[in-house]
Amino acid sequence: MASSAIACNVANHLKGDTADVLPLIYQDGINLIQWQRPPNSALREYAHYLTSDSNHFSVFKSRLTPDSAADILQQELPPHRHKQELIDDLTLLVDMFCTLFELPAASARLSVLDSAMCPKFHTDKVPCRLVSSFCGPGTEWLENHQVRRHKMGHNSQGRSDKDAGVFIHPRVIQQVGTQDVVLLKGEAWEGNEQNGAVHRSPMPIAGESRLLLTLDFSD
């Protein structure tokens, strides 16, 4: 791999401009990795096609191995001149995810969202999850020292994150870029209990849907 420019903003977050940054999720204290990718116009065009009103695509879910991903995606995704570019990118991400965590397969979900799927800040009860928005706004997250974990979830008593005091001020909310690849270390990662990456789905932009990929551990 090419050398990567990697920067540390805070103790729990690392970002870089190549895939070299992804293995750093294994570092103690790191619970969010952001691979900043330059916008790909072909991926964006196909993503907009999948989310358009003229298309009936809504969600794709499957167990994918690095060897089976391309064939399954070819069968399941609708035709378009840039379909292959998305298949190639998804296959690469499945391969990277499985290699990084020594998994035989990944549980993949590619979904069209016109509302915030998880609108409140939370952590995932998984070892680690990969997320990427191919169009629409990227995932929002909070640095460890900017979040009051004891005010999240049921402790918010039905109030919004802001009203419950989950964060000090809206300006502390971070957001990843569209097409960036993010690893979110969850509560089920050994040694990371009570320290999962705090994140939420962004509010949708008026008139624009989101095409979201998630990859999870699979047997």
Protein backbone atom coordinates (compact mmCIF):
# COMPACT_ATOMS: atom_id res chain seq x y z
CA MET A 1 0.00 0.00 0.00
CA ALA A 2 1.01 3.60 -0.54
CA SER A 3 2.12 5.60 2.44
CA SER A 4 -0.73 7.22 4.33
CA ALA A 5 -1.08 10.63 5.86
CA ILE A 6 -2.47 9.81 9.29
CA ALA A 7 -3.47 12.36 11.88
CA CYS A 8 -4.79 12.00 15.40
CA ASN A 9 -7.39 14.57 16.43
CA VAL A 10 -8.12 13.07 19.83
CA ALA A 11 -7.14 9.94 21.69
CA ASN A 12 -10.05 7.85 20.44
CA HIS A 13 -10.04 8.84 16.74
CA LEU A 14 -7.63 8.32 13.87
CA LYS A 15 -8.03 9.30 10.27
CA GLY A 16 -5.99 8.84 7.11
CA ASP A 17 -6.18 9.20 3.36
CA THR A 18 -5.40 5.57 2.48
CA ALA A 19 -6.55 2.18 3.73
CA ASP A 20 -3.35 1.97 5.80
CA VAL A 21 -5.26 3.65 8.61
CA LEU A 22 -7.80 0.82 9.02
CA PRO A 23 -5.60 -1.64 11.02
CA LEU A 24 -5.05 1.06 13.64
CA ILE A 25 -8.48 0.15 15.02
CA TYR A 26 -6.59 -2.49 17.01
CA GLN A 27 -4.85 0.20 19.07
CA ASP A 28 -6.02 0.44 22.67
CA GLY A 29 -8.15 3.52 23.24
CA ILE A 30 -9.00 3.96 19.56
CA ASN A 31 -12.67 3.36 18.83
CA LEU A 32 -13.19 5.20 15.53
CA ILE A 33 -11.18 5.07 12.32
CA GLN A 34 -11.92 7.30 9.32
CA TRP A 35 -10.50 6.51 5.89
CA GLN A 36 -10.97 9.76 3.98
CA ARG A 37 -11.55 8.94 0.32
CA PRO A 38 -11.70 11.41 -2.58
CA PRO A 39 -15.17 11.64 -4.15
CA ASN A 40 -15.76 9.14 -6.94
CA SER A 41 -18.21 10.54 -9.49
CA ALA A 42 -19.13 7.09 -10.88
CA LEU A 43 -20.02 5.79 -7.40
CA ARG A 44 -21.99 8.95 -6.70
CA GLU A 45 -23.95 8.69 -9.96
CA TYR A 46 -24.93 5.07 -9.39
CA ALA A 47 -25.77 5.78 -5.74
CA HIS A 48 -28.10 8.59 -6.81
CA TYR A 49 -29.69 6.24 -9.33
CA LEU A 50 -30.32 3.62 -6.62
CA THR A 51 -31.93 6.24 -4.38
CA SER A 52 -34.03 7.89 -7.11
CA ASP A 53 -37.82 7.69 -7.23
CA SER A 54 -37.60 5.96 -10.61
CA ASN A 55 -35.81 3.00 -9.04
CA HIS A 56 -37.46 0.43 -6.78
CA PHE A 57 -34.25 -0.55 -4.98
CA SER A 58 -34.59 -0.23 -1.19
CA VAL A 59 -32.26 -2.66 0.57
CA PHE A 60 -29.80 -5.46 -0.14
CA LYS A 61 -28.77 -7.84 2.64
CA SER A 62 -26.48 -10.84 2.28
CA ARG A 63 -23.63 -12.80 3.78
CA LEU A 64 -20.69 -12.00 1.51
CA THR A 65 -17.28 -13.63 1.28
CA PRO A 66 -14.43 -11.99 -0.61
CA ASP A 67 -14.87 -14.65 -3.30
CA SER A 68 -18.65 -14.55 -3.56
CA ALA A 69 -19.29 -10.81 -3.23
CA ALA A 70 -18.90 -9.79 -6.87
CA ASP A 71 -21.16 -12.53 -8.25
CA ILE A 72 -23.91 -11.96 -5.67
CA LEU A 73 -23.86 -8.19 -6.16
CA GLN A 74 -23.97 -8.63 -9.93
CA GLN A 75 -27.15 -10.66 -9.57
CA GLU A 76 -28.87 -8.44 -7.01
CA LEU A 77 -28.12 -4.85 -8.03
CA PRO A 78 -30.05 -3.16 -10.87
CA PRO A 79 -28.31 -2.40 -14.18
CA HIS A 80 -26.59 0.92 -14.77
CA ARG A 81 -23.53 2.08 -16.66
CA HIS A 82 -21.64 2.53 -13.37
CA LYS A 83 -22.90 -0.62 -11.67
CA GLN A 84 -19.53 -2.35 -11.98
CA GLU A 85 -17.73 0.47 -10.22
CA LEU A 86 -19.91 0.01 -7.13
CA ILE A 87 -19.55 -3.77 -7.28
CA ASP A 88 -15.76 -3.41 -7.42
CA ASP A 89 -15.75 -1.00 -4.49
CA LEU A 90 -18.06 -3.11 -2.33
CA THR A 91 -16.07 -6.25 -3.11
CA LEU A 92 -12.87 -4.46 -2.09
CA LEU A 93 -14.41 -3.31 1.19
CA VAL A 94 -15.69 -6.81 1.97
CA ASP A 95 -12.23 -8.22 1.28
CA MET A 96 -10.54 -5.60 3.47
CA PHE A 97 -13.03 -6.08 6.30
CA CYS A 98 -12.71 -9.87 6.29
CA THR A 99 -8.92 -9.72 6.06
CA LEU A 100 -8.61 -7.12 8.81
CA PHE A 101 -10.68 -9.12 11.29
CA GLU A 102 -9.81 -12.62 10.02
CA LEU A 103 -13.42 -13.38 9.13
CA PRO A 104 -14.68 -15.91 6.59
CA ALA A 105 -17.51 -13.55 5.60
CA ALA A 106 -19.17 -10.24 6.33
CA SER A 107 -22.83 -9.51 6.94
CA ALA A 108 -23.54 -6.76 4.39
CA ARG A 109 -26.43 -4.32 4.18
CA LEU A 110 -26.82 -1.68 1.47
CA SER A 111 -29.89 0.43 2.09
CA VAL A 112 -31.67 3.53 0.86
CA LEU A 113 -32.60 5.85 3.73
CA ASP A 114 -34.81 8.91 3.51
CA SER A 115 -34.80 9.47 7.27
CA ALA A 116 -32.28 9.08 10.09
CA MET A 117 -32.18 5.34 10.83
CA CYS A 118 -30.63 5.88 14.29
CA PRO A 119 -31.25 9.58 15.04
CA LYS A 120 -29.94 9.56 18.63
CA PHE A 121 -26.34 9.15 19.72
CA HIS A 122 -25.61 5.56 20.70
CA THR A 123 -23.02 2.79 20.67
CA ASP A 124 -23.26 -0.55 18.86
CA LYS A 125 -23.24 -3.85 20.72
CA VAL A 126 -20.96 -5.44 18.13
CA PRO A 127 -17.19 -5.96 17.98
CA CYS A 128 -16.74 -3.53 15.08
CA ARG A 129 -18.86 -2.17 12.24
CA LEU A 130 -17.86 -0.62 8.93
CA VAL A 131 -20.09 2.15 7.57
CA SER A 132 -19.94 4.27 4.43
CA SER A 133 -22.45 6.66 2.84
CA PHE A 134 -22.17 6.51 -0.96
CA CYS A 135 -24.48 9.49 -1.29
CA GLY A 136 -26.11 11.73 1.27
CA PRO A 137 -24.54 12.97 4.51
CA GLY A 138 -22.02 10.91 6.47
CA THR A 139 -22.23 9.53 9.99
CA GLU A 140 -22.07 11.97 12.92
CA TRP A 141 -20.00 11.14 16.00
CA LEU A 142 -18.67 12.52 19.27
CA GLU A 143 -15.21 12.44 20.77
CA ASN A 144 -15.01 10.53 24.03
CA HIS A 145 -14.32 13.62 26.11
CA GLN A 146 -17.25 15.49 24.52
CA VAL A 147 -19.98 12.97 25.34
CA ARG A 148 -21.89 12.33 28.57
CA ARG A 149 -22.54 8.62 28.20
CA HIS A 150 -24.69 8.45 31.32
CA LYS A 151 -27.28 10.67 29.60
CA MET A 152 -27.68 8.50 26.48
CA GLY A 153 -30.31 5.90 25.69
CA HIS A 154 -32.99 5.29 28.33
CA ASN A 155 -31.39 7.91 30.53
CA SER A 156 -32.43 10.60 28.07
CA GLN A 157 -36.04 9.95 29.17
CA GLY A 158 -37.32 10.48 25.65
CA ARG A 159 -35.70 13.89 25.24
CA SER A 160 -33.51 14.87 22.30
CA ASP A 161 -29.76 14.43 22.66
CA LYS A 162 -29.39 18.20 23.02
CA ASP A 163 -32.10 18.54 25.66
CA ALA A 164 -30.82 15.51 27.58
CA GLY A 165 -27.32 17.00 27.67
CA VAL A 166 -25.60 14.17 25.78
CA PHE A 167 -23.19 16.73 24.34
CA ILE A 168 -22.14 20.15 25.61
CA HIS A 169 -22.74 22.16 22.43
CA PRO A 170 -23.74 21.29 18.84
CA ARG A 171 -20.37 22.51 17.58
CA VAL A 172 -18.65 19.46 19.12
CA ILE A 173 -20.53 17.11 16.77
CA GLN A 174 -18.16 15.64 14.19
CA GLN A 175 -19.22 14.31 10.77
CA VAL A 176 -17.43 12.09 8.26
CA GLY A 177 -17.48 12.80 4.55
CA THR A 178 -19.63 11.13 1.93
CA GLN A 179 -17.85 7.98 0.59
CA ASP A 180 -15.45 7.95 3.56
CA VAL A 181 -15.04 4.51 5.15
CA VAL A 182 -15.49 4.41 8.92
CA LEU A 183 -14.78 1.68 11.45
CA LEU A 184 -16.80 1.96 14.67
CA LYS A 185 -15.47 -0.14 17.53
CA GLY A 186 -18.43 -1.41 19.55
CA GLU A 187 -19.20 -2.55 23.07
CA ALA A 188 -18.58 -6.22 22.20
CA TRP A 189 -14.91 -5.62 21.35
CA GLU A 190 -12.93 -7.28 24.12
CA GLY A 191 -11.58 -4.61 26.43
CA ASN A 192 -13.82 -1.89 24.96
CA GLU A 193 -16.86 -2.45 27.14
CA GLN A 194 -18.63 0.83 28.04
CA ASN A 195 -16.41 2.62 25.52
CA GLY A 196 -18.01 2.01 22.13
CA ALA A 197 -17.75 4.74 19.51
CA VAL A 198 -20.63 7.19 20.04
CA HIS A 199 -22.38 8.02 16.77
CA ARG A 200 -25.74 8.63 15.11
CA SER A 201 -27.36 8.84 11.69
CA PRO A 202 -27.39 12.37 10.26
CA MET A 203 -30.59 14.22 9.54
CA PRO A 204 -31.38 13.85 5.83
CA ILE A 205 -30.90 16.72 3.43
CA ALA A 206 -34.21 17.87 1.96
CA GLY A 207 -34.90 16.00 -1.27
CA GLU A 208 -31.88 13.70 -0.95
CA SER A 209 -31.82 10.10 0.23
CA ARG A 210 -28.80 8.33 1.66
CA LEU A 211 -27.24 5.12 0.34
CA LEU A 212 -25.61 3.48 3.35
CA LEU A 213 -23.36 0.43 3.50
CA THR A 214 -22.79 -1.44 6.75
CA LEU A 215 -20.54 -4.47 7.21
CA ASP A 216 -20.71 -6.58 10.37
CA PHE A 217 -19.03 -9.73 11.64
CA SER A 218 -20.49 -12.97 10.24
CA ASP A 219 -19.63 -16.63 10.84
